[in-house]
Each structure stands twice: as C-alpha cells, then as structure tokens.
C-alpha atoms as a PDB file:
ATOM      1  CA  MET A   1      -1.124  22.597  -1.928  1.00  0.00           C
ATOM      2  CA  THR A   2      -3.065  21.819  -4.485  1.00  0.00           C
ATOM      3  CA  LEU A   3      -3.983  18.286  -3.857  1.00  0.00           C
ATOM      4  CA  ASP A   4      -4.436  19.493  -0.746  1.00  0.00           C
ATOM      5  CA  LEU A   5      -7.347  21.206  -1.544  1.00  0.00           C
ATOM      6  CA  ALA A   6      -8.548  17.909  -4.377  1.00  0.00           C
ATOM      7  CA  GLY A   7      -9.068  16.544  -0.484  1.00  0.00           C
ATOM      8  CA  HIS A   8      -5.717  14.754  -0.702  1.00  0.00           C
ATOM      9  CA  ALA A   9      -3.709  14.165   2.566  1.00  0.00           C
ATOM     10  CA  VAL A  10      -0.341  14.796   1.596  1.00  0.00           C
ATOM     11  CA  ILE A  11       3.163  14.412   3.527  1.00  0.00           C
ATOM     12  CA  ILE A  12       5.502  16.369   2.349  1.00  0.00           C
ATOM     13  CA  ALA A  13       9.602  15.497   2.549  1.00  0.00           C
ATOM     14  CA  ARG A  14      12.544  17.533   1.741  1.00  0.00           C
ATOM     15  CA  GLU A  15      15.055  15.497   1.658  1.00  0.00           C
ATOM     16  CA  GLY A  16      15.237  11.675  -0.166  1.00  0.00           C
ATOM     17  CA  VAL A  17      16.415  10.103   3.582  1.00  0.00           C
ATOM     18  CA  GLU A  18      13.240  11.743   5.692  1.00  0.00           C
ATOM     19  CA  ALA A  19      11.005  10.627   2.578  1.00  0.00           C
ATOM     20  CA  ILE A  20      13.128   6.884   2.880  1.00  0.00           C
ATOM     21  CA  ARG A  21      11.813   7.276   6.871  1.00  0.00           C
ATOM     22  CA  ILE A  22       8.036   8.226   6.249  1.00  0.00           C
ATOM     23  CA  PHE A  23       7.924   4.862   3.697  1.00  0.00           C
ATOM     24  CA  GLU A  24       9.570   3.075   6.302  1.00  0.00           C
ATOM     25  CA  HIS A  25       6.813   4.681   9.172  1.00  0.00           C
ATOM     26  CA  SER A  26       3.903   5.512   7.932  1.00  0.00           C
ATOM     27  CA  ALA A  27       0.971   4.039   5.347  1.00  0.00           C
ATOM     28  CA  VAL A  28       1.727   5.874   2.275  1.00  0.00           C
ATOM     29  CA  ASP A  29      -0.502   5.090  -1.117  1.00  0.00           C
ATOM     30  CA  LEU A  30       0.983   6.949  -3.290  1.00  0.00           C
ATOM     31  CA  VAL A  31       4.024   8.475  -4.129  1.00  0.00           C
ATOM     32  CA  ILE A  32       5.212  11.830  -6.539  1.00  0.00           C
ATOM     33  CA  LEU A  33       8.973  12.339  -6.659  1.00  0.00           C
ATOM     34  CA  ASP A  34      11.158  15.147  -8.066  1.00  0.00           C
ATOM     35  CA  TRP A  35      14.596  13.679  -9.692  1.00  0.00           C
ATOM     36  CA  MET A  36      16.542  16.478  -8.019  1.00  0.00           C
ATOM     37  CA  VAL A  37      16.522  16.063  -3.986  1.00  0.00           C
ATOM     38  CA  PRO A  38      18.895  17.551  -2.102  1.00  0.00           C
ATOM     39  CA  ASP A  39      20.902  14.431  -0.524  1.00  0.00           C
ATOM     40  CA  ILE A  40      19.626  11.408  -2.705  1.00  0.00           C
ATOM     41  CA  SER A  41      18.472  11.378  -6.025  1.00  0.00           C
ATOM     42  CA  GLY A  42      14.975  11.166  -6.863  1.00  0.00           C
ATOM     43  CA  ILE A  43      15.713   7.869  -9.011  1.00  0.00           C
ATOM     44  CA  GLU A  44      17.488   6.122  -6.034  1.00  0.00           C
ATOM     45  CA  ILE A  45      14.598   6.526  -3.789  1.00  0.00           C
ATOM     46  CA  LEU A  46      11.996   5.162  -6.633  1.00  0.00           C
ATOM     47  CA  GLU A  47      14.819   2.174  -6.868  1.00  0.00           C
ATOM     48  CA  TRP A  48      14.431   1.779  -2.982  1.00  0.00           C
ATOM     49  CA  VAL A  49      10.613   1.805  -2.852  1.00  0.00           C
ATOM     50  CA  ARG A  50      10.657  -0.504  -5.685  1.00  0.00           C
ATOM     51  CA  GLU A  51      13.230  -2.718  -3.848  1.00  0.00           C
ATOM     52  CA  ARG A  52      11.298  -2.751  -0.528  1.00  0.00           C
ATOM     53  CA  MET A  53       8.112  -1.874  -1.210  1.00  0.00           C
ATOM     54  CA  GLY A  54       6.913  -3.716  -4.400  1.00  0.00           C
ATOM     55  CA  ARG A  55       5.584  -2.804  -7.752  1.00  0.00           C
ATOM     56  CA  VAL A  56       2.076  -1.812  -6.478  1.00  0.00           C
ATOM     57  CA  LEU A  57       2.428   1.430  -4.691  1.00  0.00           C
ATOM     58  CA  PRO A  58       2.242   4.126  -7.688  1.00  0.00           C
ATOM     59  CA  VAL A  59       4.400   6.306  -8.125  1.00  0.00           C
ATOM     60  CA  LEU A  60       4.877   9.858 -10.407  1.00  0.00           C
ATOM     61  CA  PHE A  61       7.617  11.202 -11.774  1.00  0.00           C
ATOM     62  CA  LEU A  62       8.101  14.965 -11.604  1.00  0.00           C
ATOM     63  CA  SER A  63      10.498  17.047 -12.720  1.00  0.00           C
ATOM     64  CA  ALA A  64      11.823  19.760 -15.443  1.00  0.00           C
ATOM     65  CA  ARG A  65      13.853  17.347 -17.009  1.00  0.00           C
ATOM     66  CA  ILE A  66      12.714  16.922 -20.014  1.00  0.00           C
ATOM     67  CA  ARG A  67      15.149  14.747 -22.116  1.00  0.00           C
ATOM     68  CA  GLU A  68      13.389  11.850 -23.725  1.00  0.00           C
ATOM     69  CA  ASP A  69      16.362   9.901 -22.158  1.00  0.00           C
ATOM     70  CA  GLU A  70      15.796  10.969 -18.556  1.00  0.00           C
ATOM     71  CA  ILE A  71      11.986  10.537 -18.758  1.00  0.00           C
ATOM     72  CA  VAL A  72      12.979   6.655 -20.047  1.00  0.00           C
ATOM     73  CA  THR A  73      14.938   5.767 -17.227  1.00  0.00           C
ATOM     74  CA  ALA A  74      12.530   7.411 -14.520  1.00  0.00           C
ATOM     75  CA  LEU A  75       9.915   4.929 -16.474  1.00  0.00           C
ATOM     76  CA  GLN A  76      12.696   1.952 -16.805  1.00  0.00           C
ATOM     77  CA  ALA A  77      13.324   2.558 -13.115  1.00  0.00           C
ATOM     78  CA  GLY A  78      10.067   1.891 -12.541  1.00  0.00           C
ATOM     79  CA  ALA A  79       7.401   5.291 -11.845  1.00  0.00           C
ATOM     80  CA  ASP A  80       4.277   4.692 -13.371  1.00  0.00           C
ATOM     81  CA  ASP A  81       4.581   8.178 -15.370  1.00  0.00           C
ATOM     82  CA  TYR A  82       5.948  11.022 -15.726  1.00  0.00           C
ATOM     83  CA  LEU A  83       4.824  14.759 -15.848  1.00  0.00           C
ATOM     84  CA  VAL A  84       7.167  17.802 -16.603  1.00  0.00           C
ATOM     85  CA  LYS A  85       8.036  21.156 -15.236  1.00  0.00           C
ATOM     86  CA  PRO A  86       6.037  23.658 -14.868  1.00  0.00           C
ATOM     87  CA  ILE A  87       3.124  21.572 -13.772  1.00  0.00           C
ATOM     88  CA  ARG A  88      -0.573  22.819 -15.142  1.00  0.00           C
ATOM     89  CA  ARG A  89      -2.517  21.934 -11.306  1.00  0.00           C
ATOM     90  CA  ARG A  90      -5.167  20.687 -12.915  1.00  0.00           C
ATOM     91  CA  GLU A  91      -3.546  18.147 -15.168  1.00  0.00           C
ATOM     92  CA  LEU A  92      -1.626  17.021 -11.949  1.00  0.00           C
ATOM     93  CA  VAL A  93      -4.682  16.570  -9.915  1.00  0.00           C
ATOM     94  CA  ALA A  94      -6.316  14.446 -12.663  1.00  0.00           C
ATOM     95  CA  ARG A  95      -2.494  12.340 -13.171  1.00  0.00           C
ATOM     96  CA  VAL A  96      -2.738  11.429  -9.521  1.00  0.00           C
ATOM     97  CA  GLU A  97      -6.245  10.397  -9.446  1.00  0.00           C
ATOM     98  CA  ALA A  98      -5.882   8.733 -12.485  1.00  0.00           C
ATOM     99  CA  LEU A  99      -3.010   6.296 -11.207  1.00  0.00           C
ATOM    100  CA  TRP A 100      -4.836   5.694  -8.305  1.00  0.00           C
ATOM    101  CA  ARG A 101      -7.773   4.246 -10.118  1.00  0.00           C
ATOM    102  CA  ARG A 102      -5.695   2.046 -11.500  1.00  0.00           C
ATOM    103  CA  ALA A 103      -3.572   1.005  -8.786  1.00  0.00           C
ATOM    104  CA  TYR A 104      -6.420   0.818  -6.067  1.00  0.00           C
ATOM    105  CA  PRO A 105      -9.383  -0.158  -7.639  1.00  0.00           C
ATOM    106  CA  GLU A 106     -12.095  -1.317  -5.258  1.00  0.00           C
ATOM    107  CA  GLU A 107     -11.455   1.818  -3.320  1.00  0.00           C
ATOM    108  CA  GLY A 108     -13.897   4.282  -3.262  1.00  0.00           C
ATOM    109  CA  ARG A 109     -16.670   1.856  -3.849  1.00  0.00           C
ATOM    110  CA  ASN A 110     -18.714   0.634  -0.386  1.00  0.00           C
ATOM    111  CA  VAL A 111     -17.225  -2.607  -0.894  1.00  0.00           C
ATOM    112  CA  SER A 112     -19.166  -5.349   1.563  1.00  0.00           C
ATOM    113  CA  ARG A 113     -17.564  -8.838   0.516  1.00  0.00           C
ATOM    114  CA  LEU A 114     -14.212  -8.902  -1.428  1.00  0.00           C
ATOM    115  CA  VAL A 115     -12.790 -12.538  -3.147  1.00  0.00           C
ATOM    116  CA  VAL A 116      -8.950 -12.813  -3.190  1.00  0.00           C
ATOM    117  CA  GLY A 117      -7.934 -15.903  -4.660  1.00  0.00           C
ATOM    118  CA  ARG A 118      -9.786 -18.984  -2.721  1.00  0.00           C
ATOM    119  CA  TYR A 119      -9.893 -16.609   0.385  1.00  0.00           C
ATOM    120  CA  VAL A 120     -13.469 -14.515   0.203  1.00  0.00           C
ATOM    121  CA  VAL A 121     -14.236 -12.105   2.738  1.00  0.00           C
ATOM    122  CA  ASP A 122     -17.481 -10.421   4.109  1.00  0.00           C
ATOM    123  CA  PHE A 123     -16.733  -7.644   5.690  1.00  0.00           C
ATOM    124  CA  ARG A 124     -21.334  -7.633   7.047  1.00  0.00           C
ATOM    125  CA  GLN A 125     -21.288 -10.163   8.674  1.00  0.00           C
ATOM    126  CA  ARG A 126     -16.990 -10.374   9.085  1.00  0.00           C
ATOM    127  CA  ILE A 127     -16.343 -13.745   8.363  1.00  0.00           C
ATOM    128  CA  VAL A 128     -13.544 -15.065   6.297  1.00  0.00           C
ATOM    129  CA  SER A 129     -13.821 -18.061   4.069  1.00  0.00           C
ATOM    130  CA  PHE A 130     -11.327 -20.186   2.376  1.00  0.00           C
ATOM    131  CA  ASP A 131     -12.180 -22.495  -0.055  1.00  0.00           C
ATOM    132  CA  ASP A 132     -15.941 -21.893   0.795  1.00  0.00           C
ATOM    133  CA  ARG A 133     -14.766 -23.335   4.264  1.00  0.00           C
ATOM    134  CA  GLU A 134     -15.932 -20.535   7.223  1.00  0.00           C
ATOM    135  CA  ILE A 135     -12.963 -19.848   9.373  1.00  0.00           C
ATOM    136  CA  GLU A 136     -13.529 -18.981  13.405  1.00  0.00           C
ATOM    137  CA  LEU A 137     -11.617 -15.555  14.021  1.00  0.00           C
ATOM    138  CA  THR A 138     -11.737 -13.337  17.089  1.00  0.00           C
ATOM    139  CA  PRO A 139     -12.605  -9.927  16.439  1.00  0.00           C
ATOM    140  CA  LYS A 140      -9.425  -8.042  16.347  1.00  0.00           C
ATOM    141  CA  GLU A 141      -8.024 -11.184  14.400  1.00  0.00           C
ATOM    142  CA  PHE A 142     -10.954 -10.216  11.529  1.00  0.00           C
ATOM    143  CA  ASP A 143     -10.496  -6.448  12.062  1.00  0.00           C
ATOM    144  CA  ILE A 144      -6.370  -7.426  11.367  1.00  0.00           C
ATOM    145  CA  ALA A 145      -7.604  -9.372   8.650  1.00  0.00           C
ATOM    146  CA  SER A 146     -10.279  -7.003   6.699  1.00  0.00           C
ATOM    147  CA  VAL A 147      -7.532  -4.135   6.997  1.00  0.00           C
ATOM    148  CA  LEU A 148      -4.379  -6.785   5.095  1.00  0.00           C
ATOM    149  CA  PHE A 149      -7.192  -7.626   2.855  1.00  0.00           C
ATOM    150  CA  ARG A 150      -8.248  -4.325   1.617  1.00  0.00           C
ATOM    151  CA  ASN A 151      -4.577  -3.807   1.487  1.00  0.00           C
ATOM    152  CA  VAL A 152      -3.552  -6.407  -0.795  1.00  0.00           C
ATOM    153  CA  GLY A 153       0.325  -6.033  -2.176  1.00  0.00           C
ATOM    154  CA  ARG A 154       0.363  -2.554  -0.835  1.00  0.00           C
ATOM    155  CA  ILE A 155       2.719  -2.857   2.990  1.00  0.00           C
ATOM    156  CA  ILE A 156       0.788  -1.155   6.419  1.00  0.00           C
ATOM    157  CA  SER A 157       2.824   0.023   8.618  1.00  0.00           C
ATOM    158  CA  ARG A 158       2.916  -1.041  12.543  1.00  0.00           C
ATOM    159  CA  GLU A 159       1.885   1.763  13.407  1.00  0.00           C
ATOM    160  CA  SER A 160      -1.230   2.260  10.761  1.00  0.00           C
ATOM    161  CA  LEU A 161      -2.601  -1.448  12.592  1.00  0.00           C
ATOM    162  CA  PHE A 162      -2.038  -0.259  16.030  1.00  0.00           C
ATOM    163  CA  ARG A 163      -3.995   3.073  15.333  1.00  0.00           C
ATOM    164  CA  LEU A 164      -6.702   1.269  13.377  1.00  0.00           C
ATOM    165  CA  ILE A 165      -7.324  -1.447  15.414  1.00  0.00           C
ATOM    166  CA  TRP A 166      -6.569  -0.132  18.681  1.00  0.00           C
ATOM    167  CA  GLY A 167      -7.134   3.585  17.833  1.00  0.00           C
ATOM    168  CA  ARG A 168      -4.075   4.185  19.513  1.00  0.00           C
ATOM    169  CA  GLY A 169      -0.195   3.957  19.652  1.00  0.00           C
ATOM    170  CA  GLN A 170       2.132   0.912  20.029  1.00  0.00           C
ATOM    171  CA  ASP A 171       2.749   1.671  23.867  1.00  0.00           C
ATOM    172  CA  GLY A 172       1.087  -1.399  25.868  1.00  0.00           C
ATOM    173  CA  VAL A 173      -0.232  -3.325  22.548  1.00  0.00           C
ATOM    174  CA  SER A 174       2.911  -4.142  20.661  1.00  0.00           C
ATOM    175  CA  ARG A 175       3.187  -7.723  22.137  1.00  0.00           C
ATOM    176  CA  SER A 176      -0.450  -7.725  21.639  1.00  0.00           C
ATOM    177  CA  LEU A 177      -0.593  -7.543  18.146  1.00  0.00           C
ATOM    178  CA  ASP A 178       2.683  -9.740  17.156  1.00  0.00           C
ATOM    179  CA  THR A 179       0.151 -12.390  19.088  1.00  0.00           C
ATOM    180  CA  HIS A 180      -2.761 -11.880  16.240  1.00  0.00           C
ATOM    181  CA  ILE A 181      -0.798 -11.918  14.041  1.00  0.00           C
ATOM    182  CA  TYR A 182       0.858 -15.086  15.166  1.00  0.00           C
ATOM    183  CA  ARG A 183      -2.275 -17.132  15.030  1.00  0.00           C
ATOM    184  CA  LEU A 184      -3.830 -15.333  11.887  1.00  0.00           C
ATOM    185  CA  ARG A 185      -0.442 -17.452  10.280  1.00  0.00           C
ATOM    186  CA  ASN A 186      -1.884 -20.068  11.143  1.00  0.00           C
ATOM    187  CA  LYS A 187      -5.544 -19.587  10.731  1.00  0.00           C
ATOM    188  CA  LEU A 188      -5.868 -18.845   7.296  1.00  0.00           C
ATOM    189  CA  ARG A 189      -2.527 -20.318   6.290  1.00  0.00           C
ATOM    190  CA  PHE A 190      -1.035 -17.679   4.814  1.00  0.00           C
ATOM    191  CA  CYS A 191       1.633 -19.626   3.073  1.00  0.00           C
ATOM    192  CA  ASP A 192       2.641 -20.401  -0.373  1.00  0.00           C
ATOM    193  CA  GLY A 193       0.387 -23.389  -0.971  1.00  0.00           C
ATOM    194  CA  THR A 194      -3.229 -21.195  -0.482  1.00  0.00           C
ATOM    195  CA  GLY A 195      -1.138 -18.385  -2.778  1.00  0.00           C
ATOM    196  CA  ILE A 196      -1.671 -15.695  -0.302  1.00  0.00           C
ATOM    197  CA  ARG A 197       1.479 -15.210   2.019  1.00  0.00           C
ATOM    198  CA  LEU A 198       1.955 -12.662   5.090  1.00  0.00           C
ATOM    199  CA  ARG A 199       5.347 -11.133   4.815  1.00  0.00           C
ATOM    200  CA  SER A 200       7.053  -9.745   7.232  1.00  0.00           C
ATOM    201  CA  VAL A 201       8.878  -6.417   5.853  1.00  0.00           C
ATOM    202  CA  TYR A 202      11.579  -5.667   8.295  1.00  0.00           C
ATOM    203  CA  THR A 203      11.746  -1.985   9.800  1.00  0.00           C
ATOM    204  CA  HIS A 204       7.891  -1.139   7.912  1.00  0.00           C
ATOM    205  CA  GLY A 205       5.159  -3.640   8.656  1.00  0.00           C
ATOM    206  CA  TYR A 206       3.200  -6.167   6.570  1.00  0.00           C
ATOM    207  CA  ARG A 207       2.041  -6.976   3.633  1.00  0.00           C
ATOM    208  CA  LEU A 208       0.116  -9.532   2.008  1.00  0.00           C
ATOM    209  CA  GLU A 209       1.234 -10.777  -1.294  1.00  0.00           C
ATOM    210  CA  ALA A 210       0.120 -13.239  -4.452  1.00  0.00           C
ATOM    211  CA  VAL A 211       2.743 -16.198  -4.375  1.00  0.00           C
ATOM    212  CA  GLU A 212       0.172 -17.628  -7.275  1.00  0.00           C
ATOM    213  CA  ASP A 213      -1.366 -15.197 -10.017  1.00  0.00           C
ATOM    214  CA  TYR A 214      -4.873 -14.664  -8.135  1.00  0.00           C
ATOM    215  CA  SER A 215      -7.804 -12.591  -9.125  1.00  0.00           C
ATOM    216  CA  ILE A 216      -9.455  -9.803  -6.997  1.00  0.00           C
ATOM    217  CA  ASP A 217     -13.834  -9.066  -6.898  1.00  0.00           C
ATOM    218  CA  GLY A 218     -15.312  -6.664  -4.836  1.00  0.00           C
ATOM    219  CA  ASN A 219     -19.011  -7.255  -4.164  1.00  0.00           C
ATOM    220  CA  LEU A 220     -21.157  -4.009  -3.588  1.00  0.00           C
END
C-alpha cells in the first residue's frame, strides 16, 4: 500500500463493525474513512469515533462522492479533511502527514521535557512536577505517566499499556495496571481542580484530557 511504503503502519478494516472493534482494542493515531462501508456508513463510523474517542483523533474522509453537500456533511460530522477518489498517491501521503503534524506537533522530536498545563514531565531525569513541586513516583508509575502525558487527548488502550510498560499482553498484569492507575490518580491529582483529568473509557482504556484550556510545550 501507498502508506506502507511511506513508512506508516496500517491496519485495514473491510467492514464498519471490524473498524470499531479495532478502535476499541488498539491505539490508533489517524483514521482514513470511506463513505461506502458494507455494513455501516462511513458517516456513522465517523460519528461513533467523535462521540467515543473525542475530537483529537485526526480523520481523513476518502470517497468517490463529489457532491458539495456530501463533502460538507462529512466535514460537519467531524472529518478533518476530504479527498476525492481516484486518489493520487503522493497527495494522499502528503495529506496524511499534514494531518499528523497538526494533530501531534510534538511527535518526531526528541523531546526531553514536556509542559502540560501545571505539570512538567522531565523524561531524562524521570521526574513529574506539579506547580514546581516534584511528585514521587515509582519507575513503573513514571513509565505509565509518561505515556499518558505524551498522548494527551488520545485514548490509550489497556493492551497498548501492557505491551509498552510490561512488554507483553495483559495476562498476569491486569490487576497490577489497575493498581498503578489508582495510585497515579491520587499522586498526580488528576481531577477537575488541576485542569487535567484521567478518564477511564469503557472497553477502551484511558485518556488524559483537559478540563480547562491548557498549553503543551515540548523542549529538546
């Protein structure tokens, strides 16, 4: 595939139900949708994504439908861009990478320090601070926190955390993750009062999200 050759990891879903199953169990960074899906329309999938996964996840609509009202419908439903078939390969790659840069401006940089609202994450010293006060975390707690802070607004599946932190699936470590998440909520004070909360997304995983306006700044 074009995107494979451009260095992107691609998961293909041939039906809407299959796509939703992937969203529920995998960490997805960008979605390309076609209007015509065998069992569910692309618009219905788009609405599901926006309702369940928020507005941070970039979505590119790719369709043979060229009527202005249809394009407007997709954009108003939450699509970030719309590309009409037949596709030109270089344009597809360019649009995907442009969406990626807008959605994840900190990605691809060797960020050693990340400021998220009142929190500062120092990846070199493995320290999280809140209002200039260092918070004592265990190594595993810092590893989990670093994944969450690097992905503010994005759902991180439990399976992804198991593999990123423990290097394997959830067998034998599911309860351990629950314990670490519970402790992180308390230590980092993720709640409305701090401007950042950690939300459990049913059947999906976790999402660190803003309760109020905040800024993200990554330093090299």
